[in-house]
Amino acid sequence: MAPVIGVTATLRDDVEKVAERPLGKFVRADLDYVEGVAEAGGVPVVLPPVVGPESVDALLDGLNGLVLSGGSDLSPSYYGEEPVPEMGITIPERDEFEMALVEGALLRGLPIFGICRGLQVLNVALGGSLYQDLPTQFGGDVLKHRQETPKWQPTHEVEVDGSSLVGDILGSRTLKVNSYHHQAIKDLSDEFVVCARSGDGVIEAIEARNMSECWILAVQWHAEAMREAGPEQRNLFEAHVDAAERHASRRAAA
């Protein structure tokens, strides 16, 4: 049976109007994430942040894996900082929900795949911190990490650690990726190792220090939007679905 994969969603205010009335607030999950899971052989289930952290256990009990999607900035209160002026929009409901999701998924040993914001949430949930705004806080010759071109178009290269699981999955030591973020990992959680960096030193991929105990992998770029650019990005989704399938098999045998 195909593993069931939860995909986190966000909240959006619809900008269109009907008879001068706003359409209201919507739960949104980009189709690329959902299709990425489905194409890899998983059964995607969208997880709306409106259900609240009290519903996390019920949601996770029906899942075999979790995808933490991209989106809004994470509140710096989760890593003990006050917001800087360059901070973007935060969504408190989503922050609270996803931090609870990560905690519950870790307790269950669910395989977790984080993308962009998802990488940042994982790092913070496990004790790390973030640059709230790379252009003003990182220092040095930082690349332009918030591109204006379409998401499927790569804008810079990352150097991949060939000894990491990420390196095995990607099958390449260098990879061209897209870039749609202004935040990034500052202090890396002790639970992770760095698997890839961009030329300016920004962390672009991480994995759990002991993947055999807990399969956690995350990338800073938007892999879901580059699935047609080559097999590397699809490999990430397939590796996660495979890990979720193994988890489901172990749970069924227990």
C-alpha atoms as a PDB file:
ATOM      1  CA  MET A   1       0.000   0.000   0.000  1.00  0.00           C
ATOM      2  CA  ALA A   2       1.291   3.466  -0.873  1.00  0.00           C
ATOM      3  CA  PRO A   3       2.453   5.504   2.133  1.00  0.00           C
ATOM      4  CA  VAL A   4       0.374   8.479   3.216  1.00  0.00           C
ATOM      5  CA  ILE A   5       2.386  11.707   3.268  1.00  0.00           C
ATOM      6  CA  GLY A   6       1.216  14.854   5.036  1.00  0.00           C
ATOM      7  CA  VAL A   7       1.995  18.131   3.244  1.00  0.00           C
ATOM      8  CA  THR A   8       1.805  21.338   5.279  1.00  0.00           C
ATOM      9  CA  ALA A   9      -0.312  24.182   3.947  1.00  0.00           C
ATOM     10  CA  THR A  10      -0.459  27.888   4.668  1.00  0.00           C
ATOM     11  CA  LEU A  11      -3.151  30.549   4.963  1.00  0.00           C
ATOM     12  CA  ARG A  12      -3.763  33.186   2.314  1.00  0.00           C
ATOM     13  CA  ASP A  13      -6.097  36.142   2.007  1.00  0.00           C
ATOM     14  CA  ASP A  14      -7.568  35.958  -1.485  1.00  0.00           C
ATOM     15  CA  VAL A  15      -7.004  39.217  -3.332  1.00  0.00           C
ATOM     16  CA  GLU A  16      -9.848  38.776  -5.787  1.00  0.00           C
ATOM     17  CA  LYS A  17     -13.208  40.339  -5.084  1.00  0.00           C
ATOM     18  CA  VAL A  18     -16.743  39.443  -6.024  1.00  0.00           C
ATOM     19  CA  ALA A  19     -19.222  42.334  -5.968  1.00  0.00           C
ATOM     20  CA  GLU A  20     -16.585  44.366  -4.060  1.00  0.00           C
ATOM     21  CA  ARG A  21     -16.389  41.754  -1.306  1.00  0.00           C
ATOM     22  CA  PRO A  22     -13.186  39.850  -0.524  1.00  0.00           C
ATOM     23  CA  LEU A  23     -13.430  36.128  -1.065  1.00  0.00           C
ATOM     24  CA  GLY A  24     -11.899  35.536   2.374  1.00  0.00           C
ATOM     25  CA  LYS A  25      -9.062  33.476   3.791  1.00  0.00           C
ATOM     26  CA  PHE A  26      -7.995  30.237   2.115  1.00  0.00           C
ATOM     27  CA  VAL A  27      -5.922  27.210   3.063  1.00  0.00           C
ATOM     28  CA  ARG A  28      -3.310  26.826   0.340  1.00  0.00           C
ATOM     29  CA  ALA A  29      -0.852  24.089  -0.556  1.00  0.00           C
ATOM     30  CA  ASP A  30       1.077  24.630  -3.788  1.00  0.00           C
ATOM     31  CA  LEU A  31       0.248  21.880  -6.255  1.00  0.00           C
ATOM     32  CA  ASP A  32       3.944  21.239  -6.937  1.00  0.00           C
ATOM     33  CA  TYR A  33       4.406  19.750  -3.459  1.00  0.00           C
ATOM     34  CA  VAL A  34       1.347  17.543  -3.797  1.00  0.00           C
ATOM     35  CA  GLU A  35       2.316  16.375  -7.273  1.00  0.00           C
ATOM     36  CA  GLY A  36       5.895  15.752  -6.162  1.00  0.00           C
ATOM     37  CA  VAL A  37       4.649  13.323  -3.512  1.00  0.00           C
ATOM     38  CA  ALA A  38       2.135  11.662  -5.840  1.00  0.00           C
ATOM     39  CA  GLU A  39       4.647  11.216  -8.669  1.00  0.00           C
ATOM     40  CA  ALA A  40       7.024   9.561  -6.207  1.00  0.00           C
ATOM     41  CA  GLY A  41       4.374   6.990  -5.278  1.00  0.00           C
ATOM     42  CA  GLY A  42       2.982   8.524  -2.100  1.00  0.00           C
ATOM     43  CA  VAL A  43      -0.564   9.522  -1.216  1.00  0.00           C
ATOM     44  CA  PRO A  44      -0.490  13.263  -0.386  1.00  0.00           C
ATOM     45  CA  VAL A  45      -2.739  14.683   2.326  1.00  0.00           C
ATOM     46  CA  VAL A  46      -2.837  18.453   2.866  1.00  0.00           C
ATOM     47  CA  LEU A  47      -2.523  19.538   6.509  1.00  0.00           C
ATOM     48  CA  PRO A  48      -4.279  22.864   7.222  1.00  0.00           C
ATOM     49  CA  PRO A  49      -2.830  24.954  10.068  1.00  0.00           C
ATOM     50  CA  VAL A  50      -6.305  26.028  11.156  1.00  0.00           C
ATOM     51  CA  VAL A  51      -6.916  22.748  12.977  1.00  0.00           C
ATOM     52  CA  GLY A  52      -4.452  23.781  15.697  1.00  0.00           C
ATOM     53  CA  PRO A  53      -1.762  21.919  17.633  1.00  0.00           C
ATOM     54  CA  GLU A  54      -4.360  20.045  19.684  1.00  0.00           C
ATOM     55  CA  SER A  55      -5.235  18.010  16.563  1.00  0.00           C
ATOM     56  CA  VAL A  56      -1.657  17.041  15.723  1.00  0.00           C
ATOM     57  CA  ASP A  57      -1.785  13.575  17.284  1.00  0.00           C
ATOM     58  CA  ALA A  58      -4.901  12.613  15.340  1.00  0.00           C
ATOM     59  CA  LEU A  59      -3.353  13.831  12.087  1.00  0.00           C
ATOM     60  CA  LEU A  60       0.021  12.162  12.582  1.00  0.00           C
ATOM     61  CA  ASP A  61      -1.521   8.810  13.538  1.00  0.00           C
ATOM     62  CA  GLY A  62      -2.753   8.525   9.947  1.00  0.00           C
ATOM     63  CA  LEU A  63       0.549   9.459   8.287  1.00  0.00           C
ATOM     64  CA  ASN A  64       3.672   7.591   7.232  1.00  0.00           C
ATOM     65  CA  GLY A  65       5.727  10.691   6.384  1.00  0.00           C
ATOM     66  CA  LEU A  66       5.707  14.478   6.545  1.00  0.00           C
ATOM     67  CA  VAL A  67       6.642  17.205   4.043  1.00  0.00           C
ATOM     68  CA  LEU A  68       7.222  20.660   5.536  1.00  0.00           C
ATOM     69  CA  SER A  69       6.588  23.109   2.705  1.00  0.00           C
ATOM     70  CA  GLY A  70       7.877  26.618   2.033  1.00  0.00           C
ATOM     71  CA  GLY A  71       6.167  29.887   2.833  1.00  0.00           C
ATOM     72  CA  SER A  72       6.168  32.725   5.336  1.00  0.00           C
ATOM     73  CA  ASP A  73       8.908  33.675   7.799  1.00  0.00           C
ATOM     74  CA  LEU A  74       9.109  31.807  11.096  1.00  0.00           C
ATOM     75  CA  SER A  75       8.661  33.985  14.172  1.00  0.00           C
ATOM     76  CA  PRO A  76      12.070  34.648  15.788  1.00  0.00           C
ATOM     77  CA  SER A  77      10.479  34.149  19.209  1.00  0.00           C
ATOM     78  CA  TYR A  78      11.042  30.423  18.652  1.00  0.00           C
ATOM     79  CA  TYR A  79      14.793  30.994  18.795  1.00  0.00           C
ATOM     80  CA  GLY A  80      14.830  33.733  21.398  1.00  0.00           C
ATOM     81  CA  GLU A  81      15.154  36.863  19.255  1.00  0.00           C
ATOM     82  CA  GLU A  82      13.149  40.000  18.608  1.00  0.00           C
ATOM     83  CA  PRO A  83      12.145  40.643  14.985  1.00  0.00           C
ATOM     84  CA  VAL A  84      14.367  42.900  12.888  1.00  0.00           C
ATOM     85  CA  PRO A  85      12.800  45.540  10.594  1.00  0.00           C
ATOM     86  CA  GLU A  86      13.517  43.398   7.519  1.00  0.00           C
ATOM     87  CA  MET A  87      11.427  40.482   8.818  1.00  0.00           C
ATOM     88  CA  GLY A  88       8.676  39.331   6.500  1.00  0.00           C
ATOM     89  CA  ILE A  89       5.129  38.246   7.248  1.00  0.00           C
ATOM     90  CA  THR A  90       4.670  35.594   9.933  1.00  0.00           C
ATOM     91  CA  ILE A  91       1.583  33.441  10.444  1.00  0.00           C
ATOM     92  CA  PRO A  92       1.298  32.526  14.150  1.00  0.00           C
ATOM     93  CA  GLU A  93      -1.213  29.729  13.534  1.00  0.00           C
ATOM     94  CA  ARG A  94       1.119  28.066  11.063  1.00  0.00           C
ATOM     95  CA  ASP A  95       4.203  28.480  13.235  1.00  0.00           C
ATOM     96  CA  GLU A  96       2.519  26.913  16.260  1.00  0.00           C
ATOM     97  CA  PHE A  97       0.991  24.102  14.215  1.00  0.00           C
ATOM     98  CA  GLU A  98       4.197  23.132  12.444  1.00  0.00           C
ATOM     99  CA  MET A  99       6.347  23.216  15.574  1.00  0.00           C
ATOM    100  CA  ALA A 100       3.858  20.812  17.155  1.00  0.00           C
ATOM    101  CA  LEU A 101       3.867  18.669  14.001  1.00  0.00           C
ATOM    102  CA  VAL A 102       7.654  18.319  14.105  1.00  0.00           C
ATOM    103  CA  GLU A 103       7.603  17.375  17.787  1.00  0.00           C
ATOM    104  CA  GLY A 104       4.948  14.725  17.202  1.00  0.00           C
ATOM    105  CA  ALA A 105       6.590  13.387  14.052  1.00  0.00           C
ATOM    106  CA  LEU A 106       9.902  12.983  15.875  1.00  0.00           C
ATOM    107  CA  LEU A 107       8.233  11.040  18.668  1.00  0.00           C
ATOM    108  CA  ARG A 108       6.773   8.675  16.071  1.00  0.00           C
ATOM    109  CA  GLY A 109       9.938   8.407  13.995  1.00  0.00           C
ATOM    110  CA  LEU A 110       8.147   9.663  10.872  1.00  0.00           C
ATOM    111  CA  PRO A 111      10.428  10.466   7.925  1.00  0.00           C
ATOM    112  CA  ILE A 112      10.458  14.243   7.386  1.00  0.00           C
ATOM    113  CA  PHE A 113      11.360  16.168   4.238  1.00  0.00           C
ATOM    114  CA  GLY A 114      11.685  19.936   4.624  1.00  0.00           C
ATOM    115  CA  ILE A 115      11.754  22.474   1.795  1.00  0.00           C
ATOM    116  CA  CYS A 116      12.828  26.132   2.207  1.00  0.00           C
ATOM    117  CA  ARG A 117      10.812  27.274   5.261  1.00  0.00           C
ATOM    118  CA  GLY A 118      10.596  23.572   6.139  1.00  0.00           C
ATOM    119  CA  LEU A 119      14.381  23.422   6.540  1.00  0.00           C
ATOM    120  CA  GLN A 120      14.260  26.477   8.782  1.00  0.00           C
ATOM    121  CA  VAL A 121      11.426  25.081  10.919  1.00  0.00           C
ATOM    122  CA  LEU A 122      13.297  21.811  11.448  1.00  0.00           C
ATOM    123  CA  ASN A 123      16.499  23.571  12.464  1.00  0.00           C
ATOM    124  CA  VAL A 124      14.714  25.830  14.952  1.00  0.00           C
ATOM    125  CA  ALA A 125      12.516  23.039  16.347  1.00  0.00           C
ATOM    126  CA  LEU A 126      15.676  21.120  17.206  1.00  0.00           C
ATOM    127  CA  GLY A 127      17.507  24.001  18.853  1.00  0.00           C
ATOM    128  CA  GLY A 128      19.042  26.013  16.001  1.00  0.00           C
ATOM    129  CA  SER A 129      18.541  29.618  14.921  1.00  0.00           C
ATOM    130  CA  LEU A 130      18.129  31.655  11.729  1.00  0.00           C
ATOM    131  CA  TYR A 131      19.356  34.730   9.976  1.00  0.00           C
ATOM    132  CA  GLN A 132      16.179  36.775   9.919  1.00  0.00           C
ATOM    133  CA  ASP A 133      17.379  38.600   6.806  1.00  0.00           C
ATOM    134  CA  LEU A 134      20.411  37.458   4.830  1.00  0.00           C
ATOM    135  CA  PRO A 135      21.161  40.738   3.003  1.00  0.00           C
ATOM    136  CA  THR A 136      21.503  42.694   6.266  1.00  0.00           C
ATOM    137  CA  GLN A 137      22.774  40.025   8.676  1.00  0.00           C
ATOM    138  CA  PHE A 138      24.909  37.456   6.855  1.00  0.00           C
ATOM    139  CA  GLY A 139      27.789  39.722   5.908  1.00  0.00           C
ATOM    140  CA  GLY A 140      30.280  39.321   3.069  1.00  0.00           C
ATOM    141  CA  ASP A 141      29.328  38.914  -0.567  1.00  0.00           C
ATOM    142  CA  VAL A 142      26.011  37.170  -0.102  1.00  0.00           C
ATOM    143  CA  LEU A 143      24.290  35.955  -3.255  1.00  0.00           C
ATOM    144  CA  LYS A 144      20.873  37.192  -4.243  1.00  0.00           C
ATOM    145  CA  HIS A 145      18.815  34.412  -2.704  1.00  0.00           C
ATOM    146  CA  ARG A 146      15.406  35.832  -3.567  1.00  0.00           C
ATOM    147  CA  GLN A 147      15.200  35.525  -7.329  1.00  0.00           C
ATOM    148  CA  GLU A 148      12.651  37.295  -9.506  1.00  0.00           C
ATOM    149  CA  THR A 149      12.671  34.697 -12.301  1.00  0.00           C
ATOM    150  CA  PRO A 150      10.269  31.701 -12.457  1.00  0.00           C
ATOM    151  CA  LYS A 151      10.654  28.989  -9.833  1.00  0.00           C
ATOM    152  CA  TRP A 152      11.675  26.323 -12.318  1.00  0.00           C
ATOM    153  CA  GLN A 153      14.708  28.355 -13.361  1.00  0.00           C
ATOM    154  CA  PRO A 154      17.985  27.811 -11.437  1.00  0.00           C
ATOM    155  CA  THR A 155      19.964  30.901 -10.443  1.00  0.00           C
ATOM    156  CA  HIS A 156      23.036  29.570  -8.615  1.00  0.00           C
ATOM    157  CA  GLU A 157      24.982  26.412  -7.807  1.00  0.00           C
ATOM    158  CA  VAL A 158      25.374  24.519  -4.549  1.00  0.00           C
ATOM    159  CA  GLU A 159      28.286  22.315  -3.542  1.00  0.00           C
ATOM    160  CA  VAL A 160      27.078  18.963  -2.213  1.00  0.00           C
ATOM    161  CA  ASP A 161      28.889  16.735   0.297  1.00  0.00           C
ATOM    162  CA  GLY A 162      29.361  13.514  -1.630  1.00  0.00           C
ATOM    163  CA  SER A 163      29.617  11.468   1.593  1.00  0.00           C
ATOM    164  CA  SER A 164      26.125  12.495   2.752  1.00  0.00           C
ATOM    165  CA  LEU A 165      22.815  10.788   2.059  1.00  0.00           C
ATOM    166  CA  VAL A 166      21.766  13.957   0.235  1.00  0.00           C
ATOM    167  CA  GLY A 167      24.789  13.486  -2.024  1.00  0.00           C
ATOM    168  CA  ASP A 168      23.807   9.869  -2.684  1.00  0.00           C
ATOM    169  CA  ILE A 169      20.250  10.865  -3.502  1.00  0.00           C
ATOM    170  CA  LEU A 170      21.205  13.732  -5.793  1.00  0.00           C
ATOM    171  CA  GLY A 171      24.039  11.791  -7.428  1.00  0.00           C
ATOM    172  CA  SER A 172      26.009  14.981  -7.982  1.00  0.00           C
ATOM    173  CA  ARG A 173      28.640  17.093  -6.203  1.00  0.00           C
ATOM    174  CA  THR A 174      27.380  20.316  -7.775  1.00  0.00           C
ATOM    175  CA  LEU A 175      23.786  21.226  -8.478  1.00  0.00           C
ATOM    176  CA  LYS A 176      22.051  24.242  -9.999  1.00  0.00           C
ATOM    177  CA  VAL A 177      19.097  25.342  -7.898  1.00  0.00           C
ATOM    178  CA  ASN A 178      16.490  28.069  -7.607  1.00  0.00           C
ATOM    179  CA  SER A 179      16.408  30.466  -4.660  1.00  0.00           C
ATOM    180  CA  TYR A 180      13.344  32.064  -3.044  1.00  0.00           C
ATOM    181  CA  HIS A 181      14.322  32.963   0.512  1.00  0.00           C
ATOM    182  CA  HIS A 182      15.761  35.794   2.564  1.00  0.00           C
ATOM    183  CA  GLN A 183      16.188  33.755   5.749  1.00  0.00           C
ATOM    184  CA  ALA A 184      18.578  30.853   6.335  1.00  0.00           C
ATOM    185  CA  ILE A 185      20.238  28.776   9.026  1.00  0.00           C
ATOM    186  CA  LYS A 186      22.531  30.730  11.348  1.00  0.00           C
ATOM    187  CA  ASP A 187      23.290  28.346  14.218  1.00  0.00           C
ATOM    188  CA  LEU A 188      22.907  24.752  13.075  1.00  0.00           C
ATOM    189  CA  SER A 189      21.102  22.374  15.430  1.00  0.00           C
ATOM    190  CA  ASP A 190      23.379  19.733  16.946  1.00  0.00           C
ATOM    191  CA  GLU A 191      20.997  17.126  15.525  1.00  0.00           C
ATOM    192  CA  PHE A 192      21.938  17.947  11.915  1.00  0.00           C
ATOM    193  CA  VAL A 193      24.933  17.925   9.613  1.00  0.00           C
ATOM    194  CA  VAL A 194      25.415  20.240   6.629  1.00  0.00           C
ATOM    195  CA  CYS A 195      25.137  18.484   3.262  1.00  0.00           C
ATOM    196  CA  ALA A 196      25.316  21.409   0.829  1.00  0.00           C
ATOM    197  CA  ARG A 197      26.239  25.095   0.711  1.00  0.00           C
ATOM    198  CA  SER A 198      25.976  27.849  -1.877  1.00  0.00           C
ATOM    199  CA  GLY A 199      29.089  29.690  -3.010  1.00  0.00           C
ATOM    200  CA  ASP A 200      28.644  32.394  -0.361  1.00  0.00           C
ATOM    201  CA  GLY A 201      28.547  29.827   2.446  1.00  0.00           C
ATOM    202  CA  VAL A 202      24.782  29.766   3.079  1.00  0.00           C
ATOM    203  CA  ILE A 203      23.597  26.321   4.206  1.00  0.00           C
ATOM    204  CA  GLU A 204      21.498  24.771   1.437  1.00  0.00           C
ATOM    205  CA  ALA A 205      20.849  21.209   2.666  1.00  0.00           C
ATOM    206  CA  ILE A 206      20.926  19.313   5.960  1.00  0.00           C
ATOM    207  CA  GLU A 207      20.222  15.802   7.174  1.00  0.00           C
ATOM    208  CA  ALA A 208      19.854  14.127  10.554  1.00  0.00           C
ATOM    209  CA  ARG A 209      23.137  13.177  12.192  1.00  0.00           C
ATOM    210  CA  ASN A 210      21.904   9.586  12.447  1.00  0.00           C
ATOM    211  CA  MET A 211      19.600   8.899   9.508  1.00  0.00           C
ATOM    212  CA  SER A 212      19.205   5.218  10.429  1.00  0.00           C
ATOM    213  CA  GLU A 213      17.385   6.235  13.610  1.00  0.00           C
ATOM    214  CA  CYS A 214      15.351   9.135  12.234  1.00  0.00           C
ATOM    215  CA  TRP A 215      15.100   9.966   8.511  1.00  0.00           C
ATOM    216  CA  ILE A 216      15.141  13.776   8.306  1.00  0.00           C
ATOM    217  CA  LEU A 217      16.353  15.653   5.261  1.00  0.00           C
ATOM    218  CA  ALA A 218      15.811  19.255   4.170  1.00  0.00           C
ATOM    219  CA  VAL A 219      16.855  21.612   1.366  1.00  0.00           C
ATOM    220  CA  GLN A 220      16.766  25.391   1.195  1.00  0.00           C
ATOM    221  CA  TRP A 221      15.838  25.527  -2.491  1.00  0.00           C
ATOM    222  CA  HIS A 222      12.394  24.734  -3.908  1.00  0.00           C
ATOM    223  CA  ALA A 223      12.909  21.203  -5.185  1.00  0.00           C
ATOM    224  CA  GLU A 224       9.182  20.793  -5.850  1.00  0.00           C
ATOM    225  CA  ALA A 225       9.315  23.460  -8.572  1.00  0.00           C
ATOM    226  CA  MET A 226      12.327  21.957 -10.365  1.00  0.00           C
ATOM    227  CA  ARG A 227      11.151  18.387 -10.888  1.00  0.00           C
ATOM    228  CA  GLU A 228      11.243  18.815 -14.678  1.00  0.00           C
ATOM    229  CA  ALA A 229      14.812  20.183 -14.614  1.00  0.00           C
ATOM    230  CA  GLY A 230      16.335  16.753 -14.022  1.00  0.00           C
ATOM    231  CA  PRO A 231      16.064  13.576 -11.971  1.00  0.00           C
ATOM    232  CA  GLU A 232      17.903  14.995  -8.945  1.00  0.00           C
ATOM    233  CA  GLN A 233      14.919  16.922  -7.583  1.00  0.00           C
ATOM    234  CA  ARG A 234      12.513  14.032  -8.164  1.00  0.00           C
ATOM    235  CA  ASN A 235      14.991  11.760  -6.386  1.00  0.00           C
ATOM    236  CA  LEU A 236      14.494  13.735  -3.179  1.00  0.00           C
ATOM    237  CA  PHE A 237      10.746  13.062  -3.191  1.00  0.00           C
ATOM    238  CA  GLU A 238      11.268   9.422  -4.110  1.00  0.00           C
ATOM    239  CA  ALA A 239      13.778   8.913  -1.297  1.00  0.00           C
ATOM    240  CA  HIS A 240      11.321  10.393   1.198  1.00  0.00           C
ATOM    241  CA  VAL A 241       8.426   8.257  -0.028  1.00  0.00           C
ATOM    242  CA  ASP A 242      10.664   5.158   0.137  1.00  0.00           C
ATOM    243  CA  ALA A 243      11.571   6.012   3.738  1.00  0.00           C
ATOM    244  CA  ALA A 244       7.874   6.503   4.567  1.00  0.00           C
ATOM    245  CA  GLU A 245       7.077   3.120   3.020  1.00  0.00           C
ATOM    246  CA  ARG A 246       9.723   1.447   5.185  1.00  0.00           C
ATOM    247  CA  HIS A 247       8.314   3.204   8.234  1.00  0.00           C
ATOM    248  CA  ALA A 248       4.800   2.009   7.401  1.00  0.00           C
ATOM    249  CA  SER A 249       6.045  -1.571   6.997  1.00  0.00           C
ATOM    250  CA  ARG A 250       7.805  -1.521  10.376  1.00  0.00           C
ATOM    251  CA  ARG A 251       4.723  -0.096  12.046  1.00  0.00           C
ATOM    252  CA  ALA A 252       2.495  -2.748  10.485  1.00  0.00           C
ATOM    253  CA  ALA A 253       4.840  -5.508  11.644  1.00  0.00           C
ATOM    254  CA  ALA A 254       5.031  -4.218  15.224  1.00  0.00           C
END
